[in-house]
Amino acid sequence: LLPSVALAPGTKQDEAAAPAAAPPATPAAPPPPAVSAQVQAMDADTLRESATKALRENRIYAPGGDNAMEYYLALRDKLPNDPGVTSALTDLMPYTLIAAEQSIAREEFTEAQRLSAIIEKADPKAPALPRLQQSIAAAQQAVAQRAVTDEAAKTKADEDARLREQQRLAQQAEQQRATEAAAAQQLAQQQETARAEAA
């Protein structure tokens, strides 16, 4: 039997899956494996114990390499006909799917791809899988497009600022010339007046 799974806000699961200061992963990052090599190397008894402990501590799908989904997937590879393992994976799949969708929303694409790989390994025919993979690709494309748009906008803003500065300097120079011309004219008039008075 599976321990009851209840995810409350602020649990270890949330902290592991959504670090506050995690930078968005670059779209070019290779997707992590569904099950880490370390987990695959464990024997069946260790996997079962680790899976039970992970569930108890709400580590359903994260962190990578130490979560119930990976332990159960590795256990199923060793015991493909164990109904308890199959049932556990079925029960945990919705949580993993939600986490993948949240990762996409946060633009954490490496994490989203890792969770997608877990879902695909758990059930290659999962109805939500094609939509999830399309969402990841579309979100990555949107981020890349946004970066191009932001760069173009920055270039235009820089060019506009440069033109404004040129105009400001030109106006300043024109004002200075006008001021100097007026001062020169005033000085000439004063000199003319002084000469007239002296005469």
C-alpha atoms as a PDB file:
ATOM      1  CA  LEU A   1       0.000   0.000   0.000  1.00  0.00           C
ATOM      2  CA  LEU A   2       1.117   3.522  -0.738  1.00  0.00           C
ATOM      3  CA  PRO A   3       1.518   5.989   2.104  1.00  0.00           C
ATOM      4  CA  SER A   4      -1.012   8.798   1.737  1.00  0.00           C
ATOM      5  CA  VAL A   5       0.374  11.593  -0.390  1.00  0.00           C
ATOM      6  CA  ALA A   6      -0.606  15.106   0.610  1.00  0.00           C
ATOM      7  CA  LEU A   7       1.336  18.032  -0.740  1.00  0.00           C
ATOM      8  CA  ALA A   8       0.944  21.134   1.378  1.00  0.00           C
ATOM      9  CA  PRO A   9       2.420  24.493   0.348  1.00  0.00           C
ATOM     10  CA  GLY A  10       5.949  24.906   1.583  1.00  0.00           C
ATOM     11  CA  THR A  11       6.734  21.202   1.835  1.00  0.00           C
ATOM     12  CA  LYS A  12      10.140  19.765   1.027  1.00  0.00           C
ATOM     13  CA  GLN A  13       8.697  18.794  -2.349  1.00  0.00           C
ATOM     14  CA  ASP A  14       7.940  22.426  -3.208  1.00  0.00           C
ATOM     15  CA  GLU A  15      11.364  23.581  -2.039  1.00  0.00           C
ATOM     16  CA  ALA A  16      13.153  20.887  -4.008  1.00  0.00           C
ATOM     17  CA  ALA A  17      11.162  21.474  -7.159  1.00  0.00           C
ATOM     18  CA  ALA A  18      11.042  25.264  -7.099  1.00  0.00           C
ATOM     19  CA  PRO A  19      14.124  26.943  -5.677  1.00  0.00           C
ATOM     20  CA  ALA A  20      13.398  30.630  -5.297  1.00  0.00           C
ATOM     21  CA  ALA A  21      16.466  31.918  -7.101  1.00  0.00           C
ATOM     22  CA  ALA A  22      16.796  29.257  -9.780  1.00  0.00           C
ATOM     23  CA  PRO A  23      17.668  30.869 -13.107  1.00  0.00           C
ATOM     24  CA  PRO A  24      15.730  29.648 -16.128  1.00  0.00           C
ATOM     25  CA  ALA A  25      17.533  26.861 -17.932  1.00  0.00           C
ATOM     26  CA  THR A  26      18.744  27.544 -21.445  1.00  0.00           C
ATOM     27  CA  PRO A  27      16.797  25.744 -24.175  1.00  0.00           C
ATOM     28  CA  ALA A  28      20.043  24.174 -25.430  1.00  0.00           C
ATOM     29  CA  ALA A  29      20.601  22.192 -22.224  1.00  0.00           C
ATOM     30  CA  PRO A  30      20.381  18.425 -22.827  1.00  0.00           C
ATOM     31  CA  PRO A  31      17.451  16.776 -21.015  1.00  0.00           C
ATOM     32  CA  PRO A  32      18.437  14.818 -17.899  1.00  0.00           C
ATOM     33  CA  PRO A  33      17.791  11.040 -17.849  1.00  0.00           C
ATOM     34  CA  ALA A  34      14.463   9.790 -16.479  1.00  0.00           C
ATOM     35  CA  VAL A  35      16.271   7.656 -13.881  1.00  0.00           C
ATOM     36  CA  SER A  36      19.755   8.535 -12.665  1.00  0.00           C
ATOM     37  CA  ALA A  37      22.562   5.973 -13.008  1.00  0.00           C
ATOM     38  CA  GLN A  38      22.939   5.940  -9.227  1.00  0.00           C
ATOM     39  CA  VAL A  39      19.303   4.908  -8.762  1.00  0.00           C
ATOM     40  CA  GLN A  40      19.501   2.298 -11.528  1.00  0.00           C
ATOM     41  CA  ALA A  41      22.459   0.698  -9.745  1.00  0.00           C
ATOM     42  CA  MET A  42      20.480   0.031  -6.539  1.00  0.00           C
ATOM     43  CA  ASP A  43      19.078  -3.423  -5.731  1.00  0.00           C
ATOM     44  CA  ALA A  44      15.343  -4.042  -5.436  1.00  0.00           C
ATOM     45  CA  ASP A  45      15.196  -3.965  -1.621  1.00  0.00           C
ATOM     46  CA  THR A  46      17.104  -0.683  -1.427  1.00  0.00           C
ATOM     47  CA  LEU A  47      14.883   0.821  -4.119  1.00  0.00           C
ATOM     48  CA  ARG A  48      11.715  -0.197  -2.289  1.00  0.00           C
ATOM     49  CA  GLU A  49      12.975   1.254   1.010  1.00  0.00           C
ATOM     50  CA  SER A  50      14.139   4.442  -0.697  1.00  0.00           C
ATOM     51  CA  ALA A  51      10.810   4.861  -2.488  1.00  0.00           C
ATOM     52  CA  THR A  52       8.854   4.458   0.749  1.00  0.00           C
ATOM     53  CA  LYS A  53      11.076   6.971   2.533  1.00  0.00           C
ATOM     54  CA  ALA A  54      10.841   9.445  -0.360  1.00  0.00           C
ATOM     55  CA  LEU A  55       7.048   9.247  -0.272  1.00  0.00           C
ATOM     56  CA  ARG A  56       6.981   9.760   3.474  1.00  0.00           C
ATOM     57  CA  GLU A  57       9.101  12.908   3.017  1.00  0.00           C
ATOM     58  CA  ASN A  58       7.028  14.184   0.055  1.00  0.00           C
ATOM     59  CA  ARG A  59       9.872  13.730  -2.424  1.00  0.00           C
ATOM     60  CA  ILE A  60       7.582  12.475  -5.158  1.00  0.00           C
ATOM     61  CA  TYR A  61       9.416  13.717  -8.269  1.00  0.00           C
ATOM     62  CA  ALA A  62      12.258  15.915  -6.959  1.00  0.00           C
ATOM     63  CA  PRO A  63      15.099  16.362  -6.399  1.00  0.00           C
ATOM     64  CA  GLY A  64      16.505  14.499  -9.389  1.00  0.00           C
ATOM     65  CA  GLY A  65      18.111  11.211  -8.387  1.00  0.00           C
ATOM     66  CA  ASP A  66      16.346  11.061  -5.015  1.00  0.00           C
ATOM     67  CA  ASN A  67      12.591  10.833  -5.513  1.00  0.00           C
ATOM     68  CA  ALA A  68       9.855   8.217  -5.398  1.00  0.00           C
ATOM     69  CA  MET A  69       9.141   8.232  -9.144  1.00  0.00           C
ATOM     70  CA  GLU A  70      12.736   7.352 -10.054  1.00  0.00           C
ATOM     71  CA  TYR A  71      12.955   4.665  -7.367  1.00  0.00           C
ATOM     72  CA  TYR A  72       9.720   3.054  -8.541  1.00  0.00           C
ATOM     73  CA  LEU A  73      10.743   3.254 -12.212  1.00  0.00           C
ATOM     74  CA  ALA A  74      14.062   1.536 -11.445  1.00  0.00           C
ATOM     75  CA  LEU A  75      12.209  -1.018  -9.313  1.00  0.00           C
ATOM     76  CA  ARG A  76       9.786  -1.747 -12.158  1.00  0.00           C
ATOM     77  CA  ASP A  77      12.762  -2.408 -14.456  1.00  0.00           C
ATOM     78  CA  LYS A  78      13.883  -5.090 -11.975  1.00  0.00           C
ATOM     79  CA  LEU A  79      10.372  -6.355 -11.078  1.00  0.00           C
ATOM     80  CA  PRO A  80       8.215  -5.676 -14.151  1.00  0.00           C
ATOM     81  CA  ASN A  81       5.281  -7.754 -12.896  1.00  0.00           C
ATOM     82  CA  ASP A  82       5.014  -6.239  -9.408  1.00  0.00           C
ATOM     83  CA  PRO A  83       1.465  -4.797  -9.173  1.00  0.00           C
ATOM     84  CA  GLY A  84       2.350  -2.587  -6.199  1.00  0.00           C
ATOM     85  CA  VAL A  85       5.038  -0.788  -8.197  1.00  0.00           C
ATOM     86  CA  THR A  86       2.730  -0.309 -11.175  1.00  0.00           C
ATOM     87  CA  SER A  87       0.004   1.044  -8.890  1.00  0.00           C
ATOM     88  CA  ALA A  88       2.440   3.439  -7.197  1.00  0.00           C
ATOM     89  CA  LEU A  89       3.581   4.872 -10.527  1.00  0.00           C
ATOM     90  CA  THR A  90      -0.032   5.335 -11.640  1.00  0.00           C
ATOM     91  CA  ASP A  91      -0.898   7.123  -8.404  1.00  0.00           C
ATOM     92  CA  LEU A  92       2.118   9.447  -8.549  1.00  0.00           C
ATOM     93  CA  MET A  93       1.851  10.337 -12.245  1.00  0.00           C
ATOM     94  CA  PRO A  94      -0.625  13.261 -11.804  1.00  0.00           C
ATOM     95  CA  TYR A  95       1.680  14.991  -9.300  1.00  0.00           C
ATOM     96  CA  THR A  96       4.601  14.663 -11.698  1.00  0.00           C
ATOM     97  CA  LEU A  97       2.541  16.032 -14.584  1.00  0.00           C
ATOM     98  CA  ILE A  98       1.446  19.074 -12.564  1.00  0.00           C
ATOM     99  CA  ALA A  99       5.064  19.684 -11.519  1.00  0.00           C
ATOM    100  CA  ALA A 100       6.183  19.538 -15.172  1.00  0.00           C
ATOM    101  CA  GLU A 101       3.539  22.085 -16.166  1.00  0.00           C
ATOM    102  CA  GLN A 102       4.602  24.368 -13.314  1.00  0.00           C
ATOM    103  CA  SER A 103       8.237  24.079 -14.432  1.00  0.00           C
ATOM    104  CA  ILE A 104       7.237  25.181 -17.923  1.00  0.00           C
ATOM    105  CA  ALA A 105       5.374  28.159 -16.447  1.00  0.00           C
ATOM    106  CA  ARG A 106       8.536  29.103 -14.514  1.00  0.00           C
ATOM    107  CA  GLU A 107      10.623  28.633 -17.697  1.00  0.00           C
ATOM    108  CA  GLU A 108      12.708  25.941 -15.968  1.00  0.00           C
ATOM    109  CA  PHE A 109      12.986  23.840 -19.096  1.00  0.00           C
ATOM    110  CA  THR A 110      15.661  21.391 -17.960  1.00  0.00           C
ATOM    111  CA  GLU A 111      13.474  20.430 -14.995  1.00  0.00           C
ATOM    112  CA  ALA A 112      10.390  20.228 -17.232  1.00  0.00           C
ATOM    113  CA  GLN A 113      12.265  17.916 -19.621  1.00  0.00           C
ATOM    114  CA  ARG A 114      13.458  15.735 -16.727  1.00  0.00           C
ATOM    115  CA  LEU A 115       9.888  15.347 -15.465  1.00  0.00           C
ATOM    116  CA  SER A 116       8.640  14.732 -19.000  1.00  0.00           C
ATOM    117  CA  ALA A 117      11.226  11.953 -19.362  1.00  0.00           C
ATOM    118  CA  ILE A 118       9.998  10.406 -16.082  1.00  0.00           C
ATOM    119  CA  ILE A 119       6.394  10.518 -17.319  1.00  0.00           C
ATOM    120  CA  GLU A 120       7.393   9.012 -20.669  1.00  0.00           C
ATOM    121  CA  LYS A 121       9.287   6.175 -18.981  1.00  0.00           C
ATOM    122  CA  ALA A 122       6.392   5.557 -16.595  1.00  0.00           C
ATOM    123  CA  ASP A 123       3.855   5.457 -19.424  1.00  0.00           C
ATOM    124  CA  PRO A 124       5.019   6.097 -23.009  1.00  0.00           C
ATOM    125  CA  LYS A 125       1.330   6.277 -24.064  1.00  0.00           C
ATOM    126  CA  ALA A 126       0.276   8.768 -21.380  1.00  0.00           C
ATOM    127  CA  PRO A 127      -2.410  10.993 -22.978  1.00  0.00           C
ATOM    128  CA  ALA A 128      -0.868  14.167 -21.541  1.00  0.00           C
ATOM    129  CA  LEU A 129       2.646  13.414 -22.827  1.00  0.00           C
ATOM    130  CA  PRO A 130       2.407  14.833 -26.394  1.00  0.00           C
ATOM    131  CA  ARG A 131       0.760  18.024 -25.104  1.00  0.00           C
ATOM    132  CA  LEU A 132       3.422  18.364 -22.404  1.00  0.00           C
ATOM    133  CA  GLN A 133       6.280  17.958 -24.881  1.00  0.00           C
ATOM    134  CA  GLN A 134       4.653  20.450 -27.260  1.00  0.00           C
ATOM    135  CA  SER A 135       4.242  22.916 -24.388  1.00  0.00           C
ATOM    136  CA  ILE A 136       7.936  22.653 -23.521  1.00  0.00           C
ATOM    137  CA  ALA A 137       8.980  23.221 -27.148  1.00  0.00           C
ATOM    138  CA  ALA A 138       6.535  26.118 -27.601  1.00  0.00           C
ATOM    139  CA  ALA A 139       7.618  27.801 -24.358  1.00  0.00           C
ATOM    140  CA  GLN A 140      11.297  27.451 -25.274  1.00  0.00           C
ATOM    141  CA  GLN A 141      10.593  28.999 -28.683  1.00  0.00           C
ATOM    142  CA  ALA A 142       8.655  31.845 -27.056  1.00  0.00           C
ATOM    143  CA  VAL A 143      11.535  32.584 -24.687  1.00  0.00           C
ATOM    144  CA  ALA A 144      14.023  32.556 -27.568  1.00  0.00           C
ATOM    145  CA  GLN A 145      11.776  34.865 -29.615  1.00  0.00           C
ATOM    146  CA  ARG A 146      11.352  37.169 -26.642  1.00  0.00           C
ATOM    147  CA  ALA A 147      15.125  37.386 -26.264  1.00  0.00           C
ATOM    148  CA  VAL A 148      15.438  38.405 -29.933  1.00  0.00           C
ATOM    149  CA  THR A 149      12.632  40.962 -29.538  1.00  0.00           C
ATOM    150  CA  ASP A 150      14.168  42.330 -26.339  1.00  0.00           C
ATOM    151  CA  GLU A 151      17.542  42.681 -28.060  1.00  0.00           C
ATOM    152  CA  ALA A 152      15.958  44.501 -31.014  1.00  0.00           C
ATOM    153  CA  ALA A 153      14.071  46.797 -28.636  1.00  0.00           C
ATOM    154  CA  LYS A 154      17.268  47.506 -26.699  1.00  0.00           C
ATOM    155  CA  THR A 155      19.148  48.293 -29.929  1.00  0.00           C
ATOM    156  CA  LYS A 156      16.388  50.694 -31.016  1.00  0.00           C
ATOM    157  CA  ALA A 157      16.304  52.332 -27.574  1.00  0.00           C
ATOM    158  CA  ASP A 158      20.089  52.780 -27.678  1.00  0.00           C
ATOM    159  CA  GLU A 159      19.892  54.297 -31.163  1.00  0.00           C
ATOM    160  CA  ASP A 160      17.056  56.636 -30.101  1.00  0.00           C
ATOM    161  CA  ALA A 161      19.063  57.732 -27.051  1.00  0.00           C
ATOM    162  CA  ARG A 162      22.117  58.372 -29.252  1.00  0.00           C
ATOM    163  CA  LEU A 163      20.048  60.497 -31.668  1.00  0.00           C
ATOM    164  CA  ARG A 164      18.494  62.461 -28.794  1.00  0.00           C
ATOM    165  CA  GLU A 165      21.955  63.136 -27.373  1.00  0.00           C
ATOM    166  CA  GLN A 166      23.181  64.311 -30.792  1.00  0.00           C
ATOM    167  CA  GLN A 167      20.193  66.661 -31.076  1.00  0.00           C
ATOM    168  CA  ARG A 168      20.782  67.972 -27.551  1.00  0.00           C
ATOM    169  CA  LEU A 169      24.460  68.663 -28.294  1.00  0.00           C
ATOM    170  CA  ALA A 170      23.577  70.346 -31.605  1.00  0.00           C
ATOM    171  CA  GLN A 171      20.987  72.581 -29.883  1.00  0.00           C
ATOM    172  CA  GLN A 172      23.469  73.360 -27.117  1.00  0.00           C
ATOM    173  CA  ALA A 173      26.127  74.323 -29.690  1.00  0.00           C
ATOM    174  CA  GLU A 174      23.597  76.471 -31.586  1.00  0.00           C
ATOM    175  CA  GLN A 175      22.543  78.241 -28.396  1.00  0.00           C
ATOM    176  CA  GLN A 176      26.178  78.853 -27.499  1.00  0.00           C
ATOM    177  CA  ARG A 177      26.882  80.311 -30.947  1.00  0.00           C
ATOM    178  CA  ALA A 178      23.828  82.564 -30.651  1.00  0.00           C
ATOM    179  CA  THR A 179      24.901  83.692 -27.170  1.00  0.00           C
ATOM    180  CA  GLU A 180      28.445  84.424 -28.358  1.00  0.00           C
ATOM    181  CA  ALA A 181      27.133  86.314 -31.394  1.00  0.00           C
ATOM    182  CA  ALA A 182      24.835  88.401 -29.210  1.00  0.00           C
ATOM    183  CA  ALA A 183      27.678  89.140 -26.778  1.00  0.00           C
ATOM    184  CA  ALA A 184      29.972  90.127 -29.653  1.00  0.00           C
ATOM    185  CA  GLN A 185      27.301  92.403 -31.104  1.00  0.00           C
ATOM    186  CA  GLN A 186      26.670  94.001 -27.703  1.00  0.00           C
ATOM    187  CA  LEU A 187      30.400  94.552 -27.226  1.00  0.00           C
ATOM    188  CA  ALA A 188      30.700  96.140 -30.673  1.00  0.00           C
ATOM    189  CA  GLN A 189      27.813  98.494 -29.905  1.00  0.00           C
ATOM    190  CA  GLN A 190      29.398  99.462 -26.589  1.00  0.00           C
ATOM    191  CA  GLN A 191      32.706 100.187 -28.302  1.00  0.00           C
ATOM    192  CA  GLU A 192      30.929 102.213 -30.998  1.00  0.00           C
ATOM    193  CA  THR A 193      29.091 104.217 -28.342  1.00  0.00           C
ATOM    194  CA  ALA A 194      32.316 104.801 -26.415  1.00  0.00           C
ATOM    195  CA  ARG A 195      34.053 106.033 -29.588  1.00  0.00           C
ATOM    196  CA  ALA A 196      31.147 108.347 -30.379  1.00  0.00           C
ATOM    197  CA  GLU A 197      31.235 109.823 -26.910  1.00  0.00           C
ATOM    198  CA  ALA A 198      35.002 110.278 -27.050  1.00  0.00           C
ATOM    199  CA  ALA A 199      34.694 112.130 -30.314  1.00  0.00           C
END
